[in-house]
Protein backbone atom coordinates (compact mmCIF):
# COMPACT_ATOMS: atom_id res chain seq x y z
CA MET A 1 13.87 -3.87 5.43
CA HIS A 2 14.96 -5.03 8.88
CA LYS A 3 12.17 -6.50 10.97
CA LEU A 4 12.17 -6.98 14.72
CA SER A 5 10.36 -9.77 16.47
CA ALA A 6 7.42 -9.08 18.76
CA THR A 7 9.62 -9.63 21.82
CA ASP A 8 12.45 -7.28 20.79
CA LEU A 9 12.53 -3.81 22.30
CA PRO A 10 13.72 -0.97 20.11
CA SER A 11 16.88 0.63 21.49
CA THR A 12 16.51 3.65 23.74
CA LEU A 13 18.05 5.80 21.01
CA HIS A 14 15.63 4.40 18.43
CA GLN A 15 12.74 4.99 20.80
CA ALA A 16 13.78 8.56 21.48
CA LYS A 17 14.11 9.30 17.76
CA ALA A 18 10.71 7.71 17.08
CA ARG A 19 9.04 9.71 19.83
CA THR A 20 10.63 12.93 18.50
CA ASP A 21 9.87 12.33 14.82
CA ILE A 22 6.39 10.83 14.89
CA LYS A 23 3.61 13.40 14.75
CA LEU A 24 0.86 11.24 13.22
CA LEU A 25 -0.24 7.69 14.05
CA VAL A 26 -2.57 5.99 11.55
CA VAL A 27 -4.32 2.75 12.45
CA ASP A 28 -6.49 0.28 10.58
CA ILE A 29 -9.65 -1.03 12.29
CA ASP A 30 -10.44 -4.70 11.62
CA GLY A 31 -7.67 -7.04 12.66
CA THR A 32 -5.65 -4.12 14.05
CA ILE A 33 -7.47 -2.16 16.75
CA ALA A 34 -10.65 -4.30 16.68
CA GLY A 35 -10.64 -8.09 16.82
CA GLN A 36 -13.43 -10.63 16.89
CA SER A 37 -15.36 -8.62 19.47
CA ASN A 38 -15.69 -5.75 16.95
CA THR A 39 -14.84 -3.33 19.76
CA LEU A 40 -11.77 -1.54 21.10
CA SER A 41 -10.14 -3.05 24.16
CA GLU A 42 -9.21 -0.88 27.12
CA PRO A 43 -5.44 -1.27 26.55
CA VAL A 44 -5.80 -0.07 22.96
CA LYS A 45 -7.97 2.90 23.96
CA GLN A 46 -5.58 3.83 26.76
CA ALA A 47 -2.51 3.63 24.50
CA ILE A 48 -4.16 5.84 21.86
CA ALA A 49 -5.25 8.36 24.51
CA ALA A 50 -1.71 8.43 25.89
CA VAL A 51 -0.08 9.28 22.56
CA GLN A 52 -2.69 11.97 21.95
CA ALA A 53 -1.79 13.41 25.35
CA HIS A 54 1.82 13.60 24.10
CA GLY A 55 0.70 15.70 21.13
CA ILE A 56 0.70 12.92 18.51
CA GLN A 57 -2.43 13.01 16.36
CA VAL A 58 -4.23 9.75 15.58
CA ALA A 59 -6.25 8.92 12.46
CA ILE A 60 -8.06 5.88 11.07
CA ALA A 61 -7.54 4.40 7.59
CA THR A 62 -9.96 1.58 6.83
CA GLY A 63 -11.65 -0.33 4.06
CA ARG A 64 -14.94 0.14 5.89
CA MET A 65 -17.69 2.49 4.84
CA TYR A 66 -17.47 5.95 6.38
CA ARG A 67 -20.67 5.40 8.37
CA SER A 68 -19.42 2.04 9.64
CA ALA A 69 -16.04 3.42 10.74
CA LEU A 70 -17.42 6.54 12.40
CA ARG A 71 -18.01 4.99 15.83
CA PHE A 72 -14.34 3.95 16.07
CA HIS A 73 -13.22 7.43 15.05
CA GLN A 74 -15.41 8.88 17.79
CA GLU A 75 -14.27 6.34 20.37
CA ILE A 76 -10.61 7.30 19.95
CA SER A 77 -11.54 11.01 20.00
CA SER A 78 -9.74 11.69 16.72
CA THR A 79 -9.79 15.29 15.56
CA LEU A 80 -8.59 14.40 12.05
CA PRO A 81 -10.49 13.42 8.90
CA LEU A 82 -11.48 9.76 8.62
CA MET A 83 -10.03 7.77 5.71
CA ALA A 84 -12.66 5.23 4.62
CA TYR A 85 -13.07 2.88 1.63
CA GLN A 86 -9.26 2.28 1.47
CA GLY A 87 -8.87 6.07 1.38
CA ALA A 88 -11.25 6.70 -1.50
CA TRP A 89 -13.44 8.77 0.86
CA ILE A 90 -11.75 11.20 3.25
CA GLN A 91 -14.19 13.16 5.39
CA ASP A 92 -13.91 15.28 8.51
CA PRO A 93 -16.67 14.18 10.92
CA ASN A 94 -16.33 17.45 12.83
CA THR A 95 -17.14 19.69 9.85
CA GLN A 96 -18.72 17.05 7.55
CA LYS A 97 -16.40 18.29 4.79
CA ILE A 98 -15.40 15.64 2.26
CA HIS A 99 -11.76 16.35 1.42
CA ARG A 100 -11.39 13.62 -1.18
CA HIS A 101 -13.71 11.26 -3.00
CA LEU A 102 -12.38 9.10 -5.83
CA ALA A 103 -14.93 6.71 -7.34
CA VAL A 104 -14.87 3.79 -9.77
CA SER A 105 -16.06 4.86 -13.22
CA ARG A 106 -19.50 3.68 -14.28
CA ASP A 107 -17.96 1.91 -17.29
CA ILE A 108 -15.60 -0.16 -15.18
CA ALA A 109 -18.28 -0.84 -12.56
CA GLN A 110 -20.51 -2.12 -15.36
CA GLN A 111 -17.69 -4.32 -16.68
CA LEU A 112 -17.08 -5.76 -13.21
CA LEU A 113 -20.76 -6.51 -12.76
CA ASP A 114 -20.92 -8.23 -16.15
CA TYR A 115 -17.93 -10.34 -15.16
CA PHE A 116 -19.32 -11.26 -11.73
CA GLU A 117 -22.58 -12.37 -13.33
CA GLN A 118 -20.96 -14.91 -15.61
CA PRO A 119 -22.12 -18.47 -14.78
CA GLU A 120 -18.69 -19.33 -13.32
CA TRP A 121 -19.05 -16.69 -10.61
CA ARG A 122 -22.69 -15.69 -10.15
CA SER A 123 -23.69 -18.39 -7.64
CA LEU A 124 -20.44 -18.06 -5.69
CA LEU A 125 -20.24 -14.33 -5.03
CA SER A 126 -22.10 -11.73 -3.01
CA ILE A 127 -21.63 -8.37 -4.75
CA HIS A 128 -21.64 -5.04 -2.90
CA PHE A 129 -21.79 -1.62 -4.55
CA TYR A 130 -21.07 1.36 -2.28
CA ILE A 131 -22.66 4.58 -3.54
CA ASN A 132 -22.97 7.81 -1.53
CA ASP A 133 -22.03 5.86 1.63
CA GLN A 134 -24.93 3.44 1.16
CA LEU A 135 -24.56 -0.29 0.48
CA TYR A 136 -26.50 -1.71 -2.47
CA VAL A 137 -26.70 -5.46 -3.07
CA ARG A 138 -28.40 -7.79 -5.50
CA GLU A 139 -29.91 -9.82 -2.67
CA LEU A 140 -29.40 -10.43 1.02
CA THR A 141 -27.09 -13.44 1.07
CA ARG A 142 -25.78 -15.03 4.26
CA GLU A 143 -22.37 -13.42 3.64
CA THR A 144 -23.96 -10.00 3.22
CA GLN A 145 -26.01 -10.38 6.39
CA LEU A 146 -22.94 -11.31 8.44
CA TYR A 147 -21.05 -8.39 6.91
CA ALA A 148 -23.92 -6.02 7.73
CA GLU A 149 -24.05 -7.22 11.34
CA ARG A 150 -20.36 -6.52 11.90
CA SER A 151 -20.47 -3.23 10.00
CA GLY A 152 -23.62 -1.98 11.71
CA ILE A 153 -25.23 -0.95 8.44
CA SER A 154 -28.39 -1.85 6.51
CA PRO A 155 -27.83 -3.15 2.96
CA ILE A 156 -30.34 -2.12 0.30
CA PRO A 157 -31.33 -5.06 -1.96
CA VAL A 158 -32.16 -3.88 -5.48
CA GLY A 159 -32.11 -7.04 -7.62
CA ASP A 160 -30.30 -5.83 -10.73
CA LEU A 161 -27.41 -3.65 -9.56
CA ARG A 162 -27.42 -1.86 -12.91
CA GLN A 163 -30.29 0.18 -11.50
CA VAL A 164 -27.95 2.05 -9.18
CA LEU A 165 -25.21 2.72 -11.70
CA THR A 166 -26.58 6.15 -12.47
CA ASN A 167 -23.98 7.12 -9.85
CA GLU A 168 -20.36 6.01 -9.65
CA PRO A 169 -19.58 3.57 -6.82
CA THR A 170 -16.91 4.47 -4.28
CA LYS A 171 -16.03 0.79 -3.99
CA VAL A 172 -17.04 -2.58 -5.40
CA LEU A 173 -16.73 -5.64 -3.15
CA ALA A 174 -17.07 -9.34 -3.95
CA LEU A 175 -17.52 -11.70 -0.98
CA CYS A 176 -17.11 -15.46 -0.82
CA ASP A 177 -16.41 -17.81 2.08
CA ASP A 178 -14.11 -19.83 -0.18
CA THR A 179 -10.75 -18.05 -0.17
CA ASP A 180 -9.62 -20.02 -3.23
CA VAL A 181 -12.48 -18.43 -5.17
CA ILE A 182 -11.41 -14.94 -4.01
CA ASN A 183 -7.77 -15.60 -4.91
CA LYS A 184 -8.73 -16.86 -8.36
CA LEU A 185 -11.04 -13.89 -8.90
CA LEU A 186 -8.35 -11.43 -7.81
CA GLY A 187 -5.79 -13.06 -10.10
CA ASN A 188 -8.16 -12.98 -13.08
CA LEU A 189 -9.05 -9.33 -12.58
CA ARG A 190 -5.41 -8.32 -12.15
CA ARG A 191 -4.76 -9.81 -15.57
CA GLN A 192 -7.67 -7.83 -17.04
CA TYR A 193 -6.96 -4.47 -15.40
CA THR A 194 -3.64 -2.70 -14.95
CA PRO A 195 -2.91 -0.81 -11.70
CA ALA A 196 -3.46 2.37 -13.73
CA GLU A 197 -7.06 1.29 -14.41
CA LEU A 198 -8.20 -0.20 -11.10
CA TYR A 199 -6.89 -0.79 -7.58
CA LEU A 200 -7.56 -4.39 -6.54
CA THR A 201 -6.86 -5.78 -3.09
CA THR A 202 -8.10 -7.98 -0.24
CA SER A 203 -8.88 -6.55 3.19
CA VAL A 204 -9.65 -9.99 4.62
CA ALA A 205 -9.16 -13.29 2.86
CA THR A 206 -12.84 -13.50 1.85
CA PHE A 207 -13.18 -9.92 0.48
CA MET A 208 -12.02 -8.86 -2.98
CA GLU A 209 -12.16 -5.07 -3.24
CA ALA A 210 -11.97 -2.74 -6.24
CA THR A 211 -11.54 1.04 -6.13
CA ASN A 212 -10.36 3.90 -8.29
CA ALA A 213 -6.79 3.36 -9.53
CA LEU A 214 -5.54 6.37 -7.53
CA VAL A 215 -6.88 4.93 -4.28
CA ASN A 216 -5.03 3.04 -1.58
CA LYS A 217 -4.31 3.71 2.07
CA GLY A 218 -0.80 4.88 1.20
CA THR A 219 -2.00 7.72 -1.02
CA ALA A 220 -4.64 8.60 1.56
CA VAL A 221 -2.16 8.77 4.43
CA ARG A 222 0.24 10.78 2.25
CA TYR A 223 -2.60 13.21 1.44
CA LEU A 224 -3.50 13.61 5.11
CA ALA A 225 0.10 13.91 6.28
CA GLU A 226 1.62 16.08 3.56
CA GLU A 227 -1.25 18.06 2.04
CA MET A 228 -3.33 18.63 5.16
CA LEU A 229 -0.86 18.51 8.06
CA GLY A 230 2.41 19.60 6.42
CA LEU A 231 4.26 16.49 7.61
CA GLN A 232 6.71 14.10 5.93
CA SER A 233 6.65 10.32 5.79
CA LYS A 234 9.27 10.17 8.56
CA ASN A 235 6.71 11.83 10.85
CA VAL A 236 4.16 9.03 10.35
CA MET A 237 3.68 5.66 12.05
CA THR A 238 1.16 3.18 10.62
CA ILE A 239 -0.27 -0.06 11.99
CA GLY A 240 -2.15 -2.59 9.83
CA ASP A 241 -2.87 -6.25 9.34
CA ASN A 242 -3.66 -7.06 5.72
CA PHE A 243 -2.87 -6.57 2.04
CA ASN A 244 -4.90 -3.37 1.84
CA ASP A 245 -2.52 -1.89 4.45
CA VAL A 246 0.66 -2.57 2.46
CA GLU A 247 0.89 0.85 0.81
CA MET A 248 0.50 2.79 4.05
CA LEU A 249 3.05 0.53 5.74
CA GLU A 250 5.48 1.20 2.89
CA TYR A 251 4.91 4.94 3.15
CA ALA A 252 5.40 5.44 6.89
CA GLY A 253 8.61 6.23 8.74
CA ILE A 254 7.67 3.49 11.20
CA SER A 255 5.47 0.63 10.00
CA VAL A 256 3.99 -2.09 12.19
CA ALA A 257 2.24 -5.24 11.00
CA MET A 258 0.06 -7.21 13.35
CA GLY A 259 0.94 -10.75 14.37
CA ASN A 260 -2.25 -11.92 12.65
CA ALA A 261 -1.16 -10.34 9.34
CA PRO A 262 -0.24 -12.58 6.38
CA ALA A 263 3.48 -13.34 6.17
CA GLU A 264 3.83 -11.20 3.04
CA VAL A 265 2.46 -8.18 4.91
CA GLN A 266 4.66 -8.82 7.94
CA ALA A 267 7.70 -8.99 5.65
CA ILE A 268 7.38 -5.37 4.50
CA ALA A 269 6.88 -3.85 7.97
CA ASN A 270 9.62 -2.53 10.27
CA TRP A 271 8.22 -4.49 13.20
CA VAL A 272 5.66 -7.19 13.92
CA ALA A 273 3.38 -6.75 16.93
CA PRO A 274 1.45 -9.43 18.82
CA ASN A 275 -1.89 -10.31 17.26
CA VAL A 276 -5.03 -8.26 17.64
CA GLU A 277 -6.49 -10.47 20.38
CA LYS A 278 -3.36 -9.74 22.44
CA ASP A 279 -3.72 -5.98 21.98
CA GLY A 280 -0.80 -5.84 19.57
CA ALA A 281 -1.58 -2.27 18.51
CA ALA A 282 -1.25 -1.11 22.12
CA VAL A 283 2.04 -2.99 22.47
CA ALA A 284 3.39 -1.30 19.33
CA ILE A 285 2.30 2.15 20.48
CA GLU A 286 3.91 1.65 23.89
CA LYS A 287 7.19 0.39 22.40
CA PHE A 288 7.66 3.15 19.84
CA LEU A 289 5.80 6.16 21.21
CA LEU A 290 5.42 5.76 24.99
CA PHE A 291 8.43 5.23 27.21
């Protein structure tokens, strides 16, 4: 797939075709429209408002909890359902209707917990279980507290996480500051579970995430575009920055990776924007949809 550099302008013809074809813009949150400040910059908000004024709908697809992502959805005045937990949970904040919820089976969640509690891993990992849009943890570790601060949520420490497995978790997350540990963990689990059994990814280098095998942002965006809005992939533009965005970048007619994205993610996108701290999402929106 041909990739343009951040300084290349699409041709006028390409721009016109993009503006005509694109009816839905889907953006990730962390590392895409929100940087270290954990807020939206004015250029990003203005660019999103401008495309909405042109009749292009805007949606969010994020690994965050629904309740954590809601303020961003409200800030961009989206009228569409919010795709949270990598798309495992799709809910319309306007009606409160949950359009899709695909959870991890209790059996697999139990297996993951057993694995995480082996001596090799137990002292290294903070484990998060997300059930009914609440976060349950074994204990409040430093990593969990930092995560909670950024997410704006209150974790519920329960000691033995088996206590909460009467319900199926929407997502299971393992955190560790050591990225080598996360990479090793991800590799080990990918050898134990096929893609038909479990979806495994990283949203940032220190987060290993597990969801239902049918879940990823690509299937979520497809569901929103095709099943709910009657659109095709050519009518969709997506912007993301990490491995959990790969599937929605592959799906979209126009895909943009952020300049802060790993090289492997940049390689599959149509275009690479400046990084999040330079309002790369706004730059991408202006280049492809506003001219």
